[in-house]
Amino acid sequence: MFRKLLISSVAVATVAAGIAPAVAHEPETRPVRSCADLVRSFDVPDARTRVASAAVVSGPTEFCDVRGTIEPAIGFQLKLPTSGYQGRYLQYGCGGFCGIIDEPDFPRGCGPAFGDAAVAATDDGHQATPPGNGFDTTWAINDQKARDDYFFRAPHALSKVSKHIISVFYGKAPTKSYFNGCSNGGREGLLLAQRYPHDFDGIIAAAPAAHYTGVIAYQAWLARNAIPNDKIVVLHDAVMAACDGLDGLVDGQIDDPRLCEFDPGTLAGRLTDDEIARVRRLYAGPSDQGVRLYPGGQAHGSELSWTFWLNPVPELGQSIAASLADNALKHLVYPIGKPHSSLETFEFTLREFRRLVPETAKANSLSLDLREFRRSGGKLLIWHGAGDQGIPFESTLDYWARLTGGKTPDWARLFVVPSMWHCDGGDTLTSFDPLPALVSWVEGGKAPDRVVASGVDAEGNVVRTRPVFPYPLRARYDGSGSVDDAANFVAAPGFGFSDRIRWAGEDLYHRPGPVAP
């Protein structure tokens, strides 16, 4: 749920890697209207829209830059190629608490001219104060419509409006529609498949903040149990020394953190007793009376990412976890007019957890009923970094286990990327881009049997590639060649862990969401 711009203090370069999709070359669709003609109102059902500006922008892909507002206050940007358009639409998810429109990029590597797809993004119905502040939640204090747009309506409204404007500009609707989001955007991806199953043909939901009721409390848990950065480095070195080889290969990464049972008590004398206790709480996750308040805890091997997630960064004056927790608890996650809390006052109790449910259940994307999405031909690709410091990958495994019953359906895939942090970055693998694989699946009919993750050095050079296979399969070294070359790995059975977790919010998987148009 967190914005990449908020972790700019970490020098992480990313590079896309995937498989070449087998997609047909569609004939080019030329505009039938001028770009300037789009500056007007559009009476889209339940999403009346006013386009404030539309101007042609030159560049590698010349496009009509459309900017407007969907009532009441959903800001959006839609880019429409003036040539080379082949009927595809790609919508991006919104990160953090939104309030900012991240300019949508034209994708590459997805087949002939797919880079000239129409692309769009939204601020989810409010504008951050001051502009650019992705942690702002003051807009939510007394505005239920703004909350609901953020919780569930805005991505759906944008899909309707974008397709309508595309139909006007090109004379026909998109032939295929895709959604790609991470964190809060990943939550939106799952939400769209669950509540609006006809909006998209293919959806990528990465590191989804699906358990919204718990994920905010989890950020407070992280902030309240931080340890100094120099101690984090000591801890990480000890964890890697103890656990790197447990997956069968000493390669600087732990493929499944659940293999590691490192006891921080062995660092007595290097960490204080209080620091050791905090580390144990971080790995375990919050609980009350033996009941877990979130389905997951910090992953062994993820420790270096705690330096900026749990501890203050210069851009914020506090940590990312603290900023997320404090702003949400003060303004967003309790019903309007009801008592709120804060990072300082929040209690990790079952009672307090239940106080969060009435409002945050609107934002959860935990429905297990995706039958309509499957019947519509939709394809769902979920992925999560095993070293995610913001949203533990175990929470996604728990949802997946409940959704699939331990079987791999023909319409959905889950990929777990070893050692990767939240959305990108990591000790070894730093980038994972399954969009080409999704396009191949939707348009070519073949489900992805592997997607290649990449790792880069500080200069942006690719220093490692590694295949990631559909969960529960894992990559196993074949015994020859470089361990940094994806060609030297084959698929192998997973480690056999039970993915389903007992926790306080199990009833939320069955809680229906609000009726939506």
Protein backbone atom coordinates (compact mmCIF):
# COMPACT_ATOMS: atom_id res chain seq x y z
CA MET A 1 0.00 0.00 0.00
CA PHE A 2 3.02 2.23 0.04
CA ARG A 3 4.43 4.61 -2.50
CA LYS A 4 7.81 3.99 -4.12
CA LEU A 5 8.66 7.68 -3.81
CA LEU A 6 8.60 7.27 -0.03
CA ILE A 7 11.60 4.93 -0.05
CA SER A 8 13.83 7.07 -2.23
CA SER A 9 16.46 7.04 0.50
CA VAL A 10 17.27 3.49 -0.56
CA ALA A 11 19.41 3.35 -3.70
CA VAL A 12 17.54 0.54 -5.46
CA ALA A 13 17.68 0.27 -9.24
CA THR A 14 15.08 -1.87 -10.98
CA VAL A 15 15.04 -3.69 -14.27
CA ALA A 16 12.13 -5.50 -15.85
CA ALA A 17 12.46 -9.18 -16.53
CA GLY A 18 9.95 -11.70 -17.79
CA ILE A 19 9.08 -13.96 -20.66
CA ALA A 20 8.29 -13.00 -24.23
CA PRO A 21 4.54 -13.18 -24.67
CA ALA A 22 2.88 -14.94 -27.56
CA VAL A 23 0.35 -12.28 -28.53
CA ALA A 24 -1.14 -11.51 -31.88
CA HIS A 25 -0.29 -8.32 -33.72
CA GLU A 26 -3.52 -6.32 -33.75
CA PRO A 27 -4.23 -3.77 -36.48
CA GLU A 28 -3.57 -0.17 -35.53
CA THR A 29 -6.58 1.87 -34.45
CA ARG A 30 -6.41 5.53 -35.42
CA PRO A 31 -8.21 8.34 -33.55
CA VAL A 32 -11.53 9.47 -34.98
CA ARG A 33 -11.61 12.66 -32.90
CA SER A 34 -9.05 15.35 -32.21
CA CYS A 35 -7.43 15.46 -28.80
CA ALA A 36 -8.92 18.89 -28.10
CA ASP A 37 -12.44 17.51 -28.67
CA LEU A 38 -12.16 15.60 -25.42
CA VAL A 39 -12.29 18.74 -23.27
CA ARG A 40 -15.90 18.49 -22.16
CA SER A 41 -18.23 16.59 -19.84
CA PHE A 42 -19.02 12.90 -20.20
CA ASP A 43 -22.22 11.43 -18.76
CA VAL A 44 -20.84 8.07 -17.72
CA PRO A 45 -23.39 6.25 -15.52
CA ASP A 46 -22.54 6.74 -11.82
CA ALA A 47 -19.30 8.44 -12.85
CA ARG A 48 -20.07 11.81 -14.41
CA THR A 49 -16.78 13.25 -15.62
CA ARG A 50 -15.36 16.59 -16.61
CA VAL A 51 -12.17 16.64 -18.72
CA ALA A 52 -10.33 19.85 -17.88
CA SER A 53 -7.49 19.51 -20.38
CA ALA A 54 -6.43 17.37 -23.32
CA ALA A 55 -3.24 18.17 -25.20
CA VAL A 56 -0.97 16.30 -27.60
CA VAL A 57 2.45 15.47 -26.10
CA SER A 58 5.30 14.51 -28.39
CA GLY A 59 7.91 11.89 -27.58
CA PRO A 60 8.80 8.26 -28.32
CA THR A 61 5.06 7.63 -28.05
CA GLU A 62 3.05 10.68 -29.03
CA PHE A 63 -0.14 10.81 -27.03
CA CYS A 64 -3.18 12.84 -26.08
CA ASP A 65 -2.74 13.74 -22.41
CA VAL A 66 -6.20 13.76 -20.84
CA ARG A 67 -6.72 15.10 -17.31
CA GLY A 68 -9.98 15.46 -15.50
CA THR A 69 -12.23 14.74 -12.55
CA ILE A 70 -14.82 12.05 -11.95
CA GLU A 71 -17.53 13.28 -9.56
CA PRO A 72 -17.21 14.09 -6.81
CA ALA A 73 -13.41 14.51 -6.73
CA ILE A 74 -11.58 11.60 -8.39
CA GLY A 75 -8.68 13.10 -10.29
CA PHE A 76 -7.21 11.08 -13.16
CA GLN A 77 -4.77 11.11 -16.06
CA LEU A 78 -5.35 9.11 -19.24
CA LYS A 79 -2.78 8.84 -22.03
CA LEU A 80 -4.12 8.03 -25.51
CA PRO A 81 -1.53 7.25 -28.23
CA THR A 82 -2.13 9.19 -31.42
CA SER A 83 -0.62 6.39 -33.51
CA GLY A 84 0.23 2.74 -33.01
CA TYR A 85 -2.69 2.09 -30.66
CA GLN A 86 -3.78 -1.55 -30.82
CA GLY A 87 -6.84 -1.66 -28.64
CA ARG A 88 -5.34 -2.35 -25.20
CA TYR A 89 -5.93 -0.45 -21.97
CA LEU A 90 -3.67 -0.60 -18.89
CA GLN A 91 -4.67 0.96 -15.57
CA TYR A 92 -2.25 1.41 -12.69
CA GLY A 93 -3.04 1.10 -9.00
CA CYS A 94 -2.59 3.89 -6.48
CA GLY A 95 -0.07 3.62 -3.64
CA GLY A 96 -0.10 4.58 0.02
CA PHE A 97 -3.03 6.79 0.97
CA CYS A 98 -3.05 8.11 -2.61
CA GLY A 99 -3.95 11.76 -3.12
CA ILE A 100 -1.38 11.92 -5.92
CA ILE A 101 -1.60 10.88 -9.56
CA ASP A 102 1.53 8.93 -10.42
CA GLU A 103 1.99 9.60 -14.12
CA PRO A 104 1.24 6.30 -15.92
CA ASP A 105 4.03 4.84 -18.04
CA PHE A 106 3.63 3.15 -21.39
CA PRO A 107 4.64 -0.49 -20.85
CA ARG A 108 7.31 -2.18 -22.93
CA GLY A 109 8.18 -5.78 -23.69
CA CYS A 110 4.59 -6.96 -23.93
CA GLY A 111 4.30 -7.74 -27.61
CA PRO A 112 4.00 -5.76 -30.85
CA ALA A 113 3.30 -2.10 -30.11
CA PHE A 114 1.89 -2.92 -26.67
CA GLY A 115 3.88 0.07 -25.44
CA ASP A 116 1.30 2.14 -27.27
CA ALA A 117 -1.60 0.95 -25.13
CA ALA A 118 -3.81 3.57 -23.52
CA VAL A 119 -2.75 3.98 -19.87
CA ALA A 120 -4.35 5.67 -16.88
CA ALA A 121 -3.95 6.39 -13.17
CA THR A 122 -5.98 8.11 -10.44
CA ASP A 123 -5.54 9.82 -7.08
CA ASP A 124 -8.40 7.71 -5.68
CA GLY A 125 -10.71 10.63 -4.99
CA HIS A 126 -8.77 13.20 -2.97
CA GLN A 127 -5.76 15.49 -3.20
CA ALA A 128 -2.97 15.25 -0.62
CA THR A 129 -2.17 18.26 1.56
CA PRO A 130 0.40 19.56 0.98
CA PRO A 131 0.60 18.33 -2.63
CA GLY A 132 2.82 15.27 -2.93
CA ASN A 133 2.38 14.16 0.68
CA GLY A 134 1.51 10.49 0.26
CA PHE A 135 0.89 10.10 4.01
CA ASP A 136 -1.85 12.74 4.26
CA THR A 137 -5.19 11.50 5.61
CA THR A 138 -6.74 14.78 6.76
CA TRP A 139 -9.09 14.56 3.76
CA ALA A 140 -10.77 11.58 5.47
CA ILE A 141 -11.68 13.20 8.78
CA ASN A 142 -15.30 14.05 7.92
CA ASP A 143 -15.78 12.97 4.30
CA GLN A 144 -17.33 9.50 3.90
CA LYS A 145 -17.58 9.85 0.11
CA ALA A 146 -13.85 10.52 -0.11
CA ARG A 147 -13.20 7.51 2.09
CA ASP A 148 -15.39 5.25 -0.01
CA ASP A 149 -13.76 6.44 -3.22
CA TYR A 150 -10.39 5.50 -1.72
CA PHE A 151 -11.61 2.27 -0.18
CA PHE A 152 -13.29 0.81 -3.26
CA ARG A 153 -14.98 3.06 -5.84
CA ALA A 154 -12.24 5.08 -7.57
CA PRO A 155 -10.44 2.30 -9.51
CA HIS A 156 -13.75 0.99 -10.83
CA ALA A 157 -14.98 4.47 -11.75
CA LEU A 158 -11.75 5.19 -13.61
CA SER A 159 -12.03 1.96 -15.60
CA LYS A 160 -15.53 2.94 -16.74
CA VAL A 161 -14.56 6.50 -17.61
CA SER A 162 -11.32 5.57 -19.39
CA LYS A 163 -13.07 3.00 -21.57
CA HIS A 164 -15.77 5.52 -22.43
CA ILE A 165 -13.26 8.20 -23.43
CA ILE A 166 -11.26 5.61 -25.40
CA SER A 167 -14.46 4.71 -27.27
CA VAL A 168 -15.03 8.35 -28.13
CA PHE A 169 -11.43 9.03 -29.19
CA TYR A 170 -10.85 5.87 -31.25
CA GLY A 171 -14.41 5.03 -32.20
CA LYS A 172 -14.47 1.74 -30.32
CA ALA A 173 -13.87 0.30 -26.86
CA PRO A 174 -10.62 -1.42 -25.86
CA THR A 175 -10.30 -5.05 -26.91
CA LYS A 176 -8.36 -6.04 -23.77
CA SER A 177 -8.03 -4.32 -20.40
CA TYR A 178 -5.34 -4.83 -17.76
CA PHE A 179 -4.70 -3.65 -14.21
CA ASN A 180 -1.32 -3.52 -12.47
CA GLY A 181 -0.84 -2.44 -8.86
CA CYS A 182 1.36 -3.07 -5.83
CA SER A 183 0.66 -2.60 -2.12
CA ASN A 184 -2.50 -0.47 -1.90
CA GLY A 185 -2.60 -0.93 -5.67
CA GLY A 186 -2.38 -4.67 -5.13
CA ARG A 187 -5.34 -4.40 -2.76
CA GLU A 188 -7.21 -2.59 -5.51
CA GLY A 189 -6.35 -5.35 -7.98
CA LEU A 190 -7.90 -8.02 -5.76
CA LEU A 191 -10.83 -5.76 -5.01
CA LEU A 192 -11.54 -5.29 -8.72
CA ALA A 193 -11.55 -9.05 -9.33
CA GLN A 194 -13.84 -9.56 -6.36
CA ARG A 195 -16.31 -6.67 -6.66
CA TYR A 196 -16.07 -5.61 -10.30
CA PRO A 197 -15.29 -8.86 -12.11
CA HIS A 198 -16.01 -7.55 -15.62
CA ASP A 199 -13.74 -4.50 -15.53
CA PHE A 200 -10.45 -6.20 -16.50
CA ASP A 201 -9.33 -9.21 -18.52
CA GLY A 202 -6.06 -9.50 -16.61
CA ILE A 203 -5.10 -8.26 -13.15
CA ILE A 204 -1.75 -8.09 -11.36
CA ALA A 205 -2.10 -7.76 -7.58
CA ALA A 206 1.37 -7.36 -6.07
CA ALA A 207 2.09 -7.39 -2.31
CA PRO A 208 -1.58 -6.63 -1.73
CA ALA A 209 -2.67 -4.73 1.38
CA ALA A 210 -5.75 -6.94 1.26
CA HIS A 211 -6.04 -7.30 5.05
CA TYR A 212 -6.58 -3.57 5.52
CA THR A 213 -8.14 -4.02 8.96
CA GLY A 214 -4.91 -5.54 10.22
CA VAL A 215 -2.24 -3.93 8.08
CA ILE A 216 -2.53 -0.50 9.69
CA ALA A 217 -2.23 -1.98 13.17
CA TYR A 218 0.73 -3.96 11.88
CA GLN A 219 2.51 -0.72 10.92
CA ALA A 220 2.03 0.51 14.47
CA TRP A 221 3.55 -2.75 15.73
CA LEU A 222 6.61 -2.22 13.55
CA ALA A 223 7.07 1.38 14.65
CA ARG A 224 6.72 0.52 18.34
CA ASN A 225 9.34 -2.25 18.16
CA ALA A 226 12.13 -0.58 16.19
CA ILE A 227 15.79 -1.12 17.04
CA PRO A 228 18.79 1.05 15.99
CA ASN A 229 20.10 0.67 12.45
CA ASP A 230 23.55 -0.49 13.53
CA LYS A 231 21.93 -3.31 15.52
CA ILE A 232 19.80 -4.20 12.50
CA VAL A 233 22.97 -4.80 10.47
CA VAL A 234 24.37 -7.04 13.24
CA LEU A 235 21.10 -8.98 13.33
CA HIS A 236 20.93 -9.40 9.56
CA ASP A 237 24.49 -10.70 9.33
CA ALA A 238 23.75 -13.27 12.03
CA VAL A 239 20.50 -14.37 10.40
CA MET A 240 22.16 -14.87 7.02
CA ALA A 241 25.06 -16.78 8.55
CA ALA A 242 22.62 -19.12 10.26
CA CYS A 243 19.98 -19.53 7.58
CA ASP A 244 21.29 -18.74 4.08
CA GLY A 245 21.99 -22.39 3.25
CA LEU A 246 18.77 -23.89 4.65
CA ASP A 247 17.10 -23.74 1.23
CA GLY A 248 19.92 -25.85 -0.23
CA LEU A 249 22.09 -23.07 -1.61
CA VAL A 250 24.36 -20.44 -0.04
CA ASP A 251 23.63 -17.52 -2.35
CA GLY A 252 22.95 -14.47 -0.19
CA GLN A 253 19.20 -15.00 -0.03
CA ILE A 254 16.70 -17.04 1.97
CA ASP A 255 14.16 -18.47 -0.47
CA ASP A 256 11.52 -19.13 2.22
CA PRO A 257 12.00 -17.24 5.50
CA ARG A 258 9.89 -19.81 7.32
CA LEU A 259 12.87 -22.18 7.10
CA CYS A 260 14.80 -19.92 9.45
CA GLU A 261 14.37 -20.32 13.21
CA PHE A 262 17.18 -18.02 14.25
CA ASP A 263 17.04 -17.07 17.93
CA PRO A 264 18.03 -13.41 18.48
CA GLY A 265 18.91 -14.40 22.05
CA THR A 266 22.20 -15.68 20.66
CA LEU A 267 23.16 -12.03 20.16
CA ALA A 268 23.12 -11.26 23.90
CA GLY A 269 25.93 -8.83 24.57
CA ARG A 270 25.68 -7.35 21.08
CA LEU A 271 21.98 -6.50 21.42
CA THR A 272 20.41 -5.37 24.68
CA ASP A 273 17.74 -7.48 26.37
CA ASP A 274 15.12 -4.95 25.26
CA GLU A 275 16.35 -5.08 21.65
CA ILE A 276 16.26 -8.87 21.66
CA ALA A 277 12.68 -8.77 22.96
CA ARG A 278 11.70 -6.29 20.24
CA VAL A 279 13.23 -8.47 17.51
CA ARG A 280 11.32 -11.48 18.77
CA ARG A 281 8.09 -9.47 18.68
CA LEU A 282 8.85 -8.30 15.14
CA TYR A 283 9.32 -11.83 13.85
CA ALA A 284 6.20 -13.07 15.67
CA GLY A 285 3.82 -10.24 14.77
CA PRO A 286 1.20 -8.71 17.09
CA SER A 287 -1.10 -10.87 19.21
CA ASP A 288 -3.42 -10.65 22.19
CA GLN A 289 -4.13 -13.51 24.58
CA GLY A 290 -2.44 -15.89 22.17
CA VAL A 291 -4.54 -14.74 19.20
CA ARG A 292 -2.66 -13.21 16.29
CA LEU A 293 -3.85 -9.77 15.23
CA TYR A 294 -2.29 -10.08 11.79
CA PRO A 295 -1.53 -13.19 9.68
CA GLY A 296 2.22 -12.73 9.52
CA GLY A 297 5.35 -11.21 11.01
CA GLN A 298 8.67 -9.82 9.82
CA ALA A 299 10.54 -12.24 7.58
CA HIS A 300 13.97 -13.57 8.52
CA GLY A 301 16.39 -12.10 6.00
CA SER A 302 14.42 -8.87 5.50
CA GLU A 303 16.23 -6.97 8.24
CA LEU A 304 18.16 -4.46 6.13
CA SER A 305 14.88 -3.03 4.86
CA TRP A 306 13.90 -2.26 8.44
CA THR A 307 16.48 0.53 8.46
CA PHE A 308 14.15 2.82 6.55
CA TRP A 309 10.76 1.22 7.24
CA LEU A 310 10.99 0.99 11.03
CA ASN A 311 13.41 3.84 11.71
CA PRO A 312 13.21 7.53 10.74
CA VAL A 313 14.23 8.68 7.27
CA PRO A 314 15.27 12.29 6.53
CA GLU A 315 12.41 12.96 4.11
CA LEU A 316 9.81 12.24 6.78
CA GLY A 317 11.43 12.90 10.12
CA GLN A 318 9.99 9.57 11.23
CA SER A 319 9.73 6.06 9.84
CA ILE A 320 7.46 4.94 7.03
CA ALA A 321 5.66 2.57 9.41
CA ALA A 322 5.09 5.34 11.96
CA SER A 323 3.79 7.76 9.33
CA LEU A 324 1.36 5.21 7.95
CA ALA A 325 0.08 4.09 11.33
CA ASP A 326 -0.28 7.50 12.94
CA ASN A 327 -2.08 9.17 10.06
CA ALA A 328 -4.45 6.25 9.51
CA LEU A 329 -5.30 5.82 13.18
CA LYS A 330 -5.95 9.52 13.67
CA HIS A 331 -8.12 10.20 10.61
CA LEU A 332 -9.10 7.19 8.50
CA VAL A 333 -9.72 3.76 9.98
CA TYR A 334 -12.46 4.38 12.56
CA PRO A 335 -16.02 5.40 11.65
CA ILE A 336 -16.56 9.13 11.33
CA GLY A 337 -17.70 10.56 14.66
CA LYS A 338 -16.35 7.64 16.68
CA PRO A 339 -13.28 7.85 18.94
CA HIS A 340 -9.99 7.50 17.08
CA SER A 341 -6.52 6.64 18.34
CA SER A 342 -2.91 7.26 17.30
CA LEU A 343 0.45 5.54 17.11
CA GLU A 344 1.10 6.48 20.73
CA THR A 345 -2.26 5.31 22.13
CA PHE A 346 -3.19 2.30 19.98
CA GLU A 347 -3.64 -0.88 22.01
CA PHE A 348 -2.77 -4.25 20.49
CA THR A 349 -5.88 -5.97 21.80
CA LEU A 350 -8.71 -7.97 20.30
CA ARG A 351 -11.10 -5.25 21.45
CA GLU A 352 -9.20 -2.57 19.57
CA PHE A 353 -8.93 -4.81 16.51
CA ARG A 354 -12.72 -5.19 16.43
CA ARG A 355 -13.12 -1.41 16.70
CA LEU A 356 -11.31 -1.14 13.39
CA VAL A 357 -13.58 -3.55 11.54
CA PRO A 358 -16.71 -1.44 10.78
CA GLU A 359 -14.81 1.08 8.66
CA THR A 360 -11.85 -0.89 7.33
CA ALA A 361 -13.96 -3.83 6.17
CA LYS A 362 -14.94 -1.54 3.29
CA ALA A 363 -11.32 -1.49 2.19
CA ASN A 364 -10.49 -5.17 2.71
CA SER A 365 -10.16 -7.24 -0.46
CA LEU A 366 -10.63 -10.62 1.18
CA SER A 367 -13.62 -12.12 -0.60
CA LEU A 368 -13.08 -15.77 -1.53
CA ASP A 369 -15.84 -15.70 -4.13
CA LEU A 370 -14.22 -14.93 -7.50
CA ARG A 371 -16.54 -17.15 -9.52
CA GLU A 372 -17.83 -14.32 -11.68
CA PHE A 373 -14.32 -13.12 -12.50
CA ARG A 374 -13.38 -16.65 -13.52
CA ARG A 375 -16.57 -17.08 -15.58
CA SER A 376 -15.85 -13.82 -17.38
CA GLY A 377 -12.50 -15.23 -18.52
CA GLY A 378 -10.44 -13.06 -16.18
CA LYS A 379 -6.85 -13.97 -15.28
CA LEU A 380 -5.41 -13.08 -11.87
CA LEU A 381 -1.68 -12.94 -11.18
CA ILE A 382 -0.69 -12.31 -7.56
CA TRP A 383 2.92 -11.88 -6.50
CA HIS A 384 4.69 -11.04 -3.27
CA GLY A 385 8.29 -10.63 -2.16
CA ALA A 386 9.30 -13.15 0.52
CA GLY A 387 11.35 -10.42 2.26
CA ASP A 388 8.56 -7.83 2.30
CA GLN A 389 9.09 -5.60 5.33
CA GLY A 390 5.80 -3.70 5.02
CA ILE A 391 3.23 -6.40 4.29
CA PRO A 392 4.35 -9.88 5.30
CA PHE A 393 4.13 -12.39 2.46
CA GLU A 394 2.51 -14.87 4.84
CA SER A 395 -0.71 -12.85 4.70
CA THR A 396 -0.94 -13.38 0.95
CA LEU A 397 -0.18 -17.08 1.35
CA ASP A 398 -2.99 -17.31 3.89
CA TYR A 399 -5.46 -15.67 1.49
CA TRP A 400 -4.26 -17.87 -1.39
CA ALA A 401 -4.68 -21.04 0.67
CA ARG A 402 -8.25 -20.09 1.55
CA LEU A 403 -9.03 -19.04 -2.02
CA THR A 404 -7.68 -22.12 -3.77
CA GLY A 405 -7.84 -24.86 -1.15
CA GLY A 406 -4.22 -25.69 -1.89
CA LYS A 407 -4.80 -26.30 -5.60
CA THR A 408 -3.63 -24.15 -8.51
CA PRO A 409 -6.66 -22.95 -10.50
CA ASP A 410 -6.51 -22.49 -14.26
CA TRP A 411 -7.39 -18.77 -13.98
CA ALA A 412 -5.03 -17.62 -11.19
CA ARG A 413 -1.34 -17.85 -10.31
CA LEU A 414 0.74 -16.84 -7.29
CA PHE A 415 4.47 -16.07 -7.47
CA VAL A 416 6.65 -15.59 -4.38
CA VAL A 417 9.91 -13.76 -5.14
CA PRO A 418 12.76 -14.82 -2.81
CA SER A 419 14.30 -12.07 -0.66
CA MET A 420 12.47 -9.19 -2.41
CA TRP A 421 11.33 -6.27 -0.26
CA HIS A 422 8.08 -4.33 -0.57
CA CYS A 423 7.21 -3.98 -4.27
CA ASP A 424 10.88 -3.80 -5.31
CA GLY A 425 14.40 -3.80 -3.93
CA GLY A 426 16.12 -6.43 -1.87
CA ASP A 427 19.41 -8.03 -0.89
CA THR A 428 19.73 -9.91 -4.19
CA LEU A 429 16.59 -9.80 -6.32
CA THR A 430 15.26 -6.29 -6.85
CA SER A 431 12.84 -6.35 -9.78
CA PHE A 432 9.95 -8.53 -10.89
CA ASP A 433 7.72 -7.65 -13.83
CA PRO A 434 5.05 -10.25 -14.71
CA LEU A 435 3.05 -7.97 -17.03
CA PRO A 436 4.42 -9.57 -20.23
CA ALA A 437 3.52 -12.98 -18.84
CA LEU A 438 -0.01 -11.81 -17.99
CA VAL A 439 -0.53 -10.42 -21.49
CA SER A 440 0.67 -13.70 -22.98
CA TRP A 441 -1.75 -15.58 -20.75
CA VAL A 442 -4.77 -13.42 -21.56
CA GLU A 443 -4.12 -13.12 -25.29
CA GLY A 444 -2.15 -16.27 -26.00
CA GLY A 445 -3.98 -18.65 -23.71
CA LYS A 446 -0.96 -20.15 -21.92
CA ALA A 447 -0.64 -19.68 -18.17
CA PRO A 448 2.87 -18.58 -17.12
CA ASP A 449 5.03 -21.42 -15.87
CA ARG A 450 7.86 -19.09 -14.83
CA VAL A 451 8.75 -15.39 -14.63
CA VAL A 452 12.34 -14.23 -14.27
CA ALA A 453 13.28 -11.89 -11.42
CA SER A 454 16.38 -9.70 -11.67
CA GLY A 455 18.90 -8.19 -9.31
CA VAL A 456 20.98 -5.12 -10.14
CA ASP A 457 23.99 -3.43 -8.59
CA ALA A 458 24.35 0.24 -7.65
CA GLU A 459 25.27 1.11 -11.25
CA GLY A 460 22.17 -0.56 -12.65
CA ASN A 461 23.96 -3.62 -14.03
CA VAL A 462 22.07 -6.91 -13.89
CA VAL A 463 24.04 -9.15 -11.54
CA ARG A 464 21.53 -11.93 -10.96
CA THR A 465 18.55 -13.49 -12.71
CA ARG A 466 16.46 -16.16 -11.09
CA PRO A 467 13.32 -17.95 -12.31
CA VAL A 468 10.26 -17.72 -10.10
CA PHE A 469 7.80 -20.57 -10.54
CA PRO A 470 4.09 -20.64 -9.66
CA TYR A 471 3.66 -21.23 -5.94
CA PRO A 472 4.20 -23.67 -4.27
CA LEU A 473 6.97 -24.61 -6.73
CA ARG A 474 10.41 -23.13 -6.07
CA ALA A 475 13.64 -22.71 -8.03
CA ARG A 476 16.33 -25.34 -7.39
CA TYR A 477 19.92 -25.03 -8.57
CA ASP A 478 20.73 -27.76 -11.12
CA GLY A 479 24.29 -28.05 -9.85
CA SER A 480 26.23 -26.47 -12.72
CA GLY A 481 27.04 -22.95 -13.84
CA SER A 482 26.62 -19.63 -12.09
CA VAL A 483 24.05 -19.31 -9.31
CA ASP A 484 23.39 -15.83 -10.70
CA ASP A 485 22.04 -17.18 -14.02
CA ALA A 486 18.37 -18.16 -14.27
CA ALA A 487 19.25 -20.79 -16.87
CA ASN A 488 20.83 -22.94 -14.17
CA PHE A 489 17.67 -23.46 -12.13
CA VAL A 490 14.74 -25.85 -12.46
CA ALA A 491 11.34 -26.11 -10.81
CA ALA A 492 11.13 -28.17 -7.63
CA PRO A 493 8.42 -28.86 -5.02
CA GLY A 494 8.01 -26.30 -2.28
CA PHE A 495 9.07 -26.80 1.32
CA GLY A 496 5.69 -28.09 2.46
CA PHE A 497 4.68 -25.41 4.95
CA SER A 498 1.05 -25.00 5.97
CA ASP A 499 -0.01 -21.61 4.63
CA ARG A 500 -3.28 -21.14 6.47
CA ILE A 501 -2.93 -19.01 9.63
CA ARG A 502 -5.26 -18.77 12.61
CA TRP A 503 -5.80 -15.11 13.45
CA ALA A 504 -8.33 -12.61 14.75
CA GLY A 505 -9.73 -11.59 11.38
CA GLU A 506 -10.67 -14.94 9.87
CA ASP A 507 -14.34 -13.93 9.76
CA LEU A 508 -13.42 -11.03 7.45
CA TYR A 509 -12.81 -13.42 4.56
CA HIS A 510 -16.55 -14.01 4.42
CA ARG A 511 -17.74 -10.50 5.18
CA PRO A 512 -19.56 -9.05 2.13
CA GLY A 513 -18.42 -5.70 0.87
CA PRO A 514 -20.75 -2.73 0.26
CA VAL A 515 -23.06 -2.95 -2.71
CA ALA A 516 -21.39 -1.04 -5.54
CA PRO A 517 -22.72 0.14 -8.92
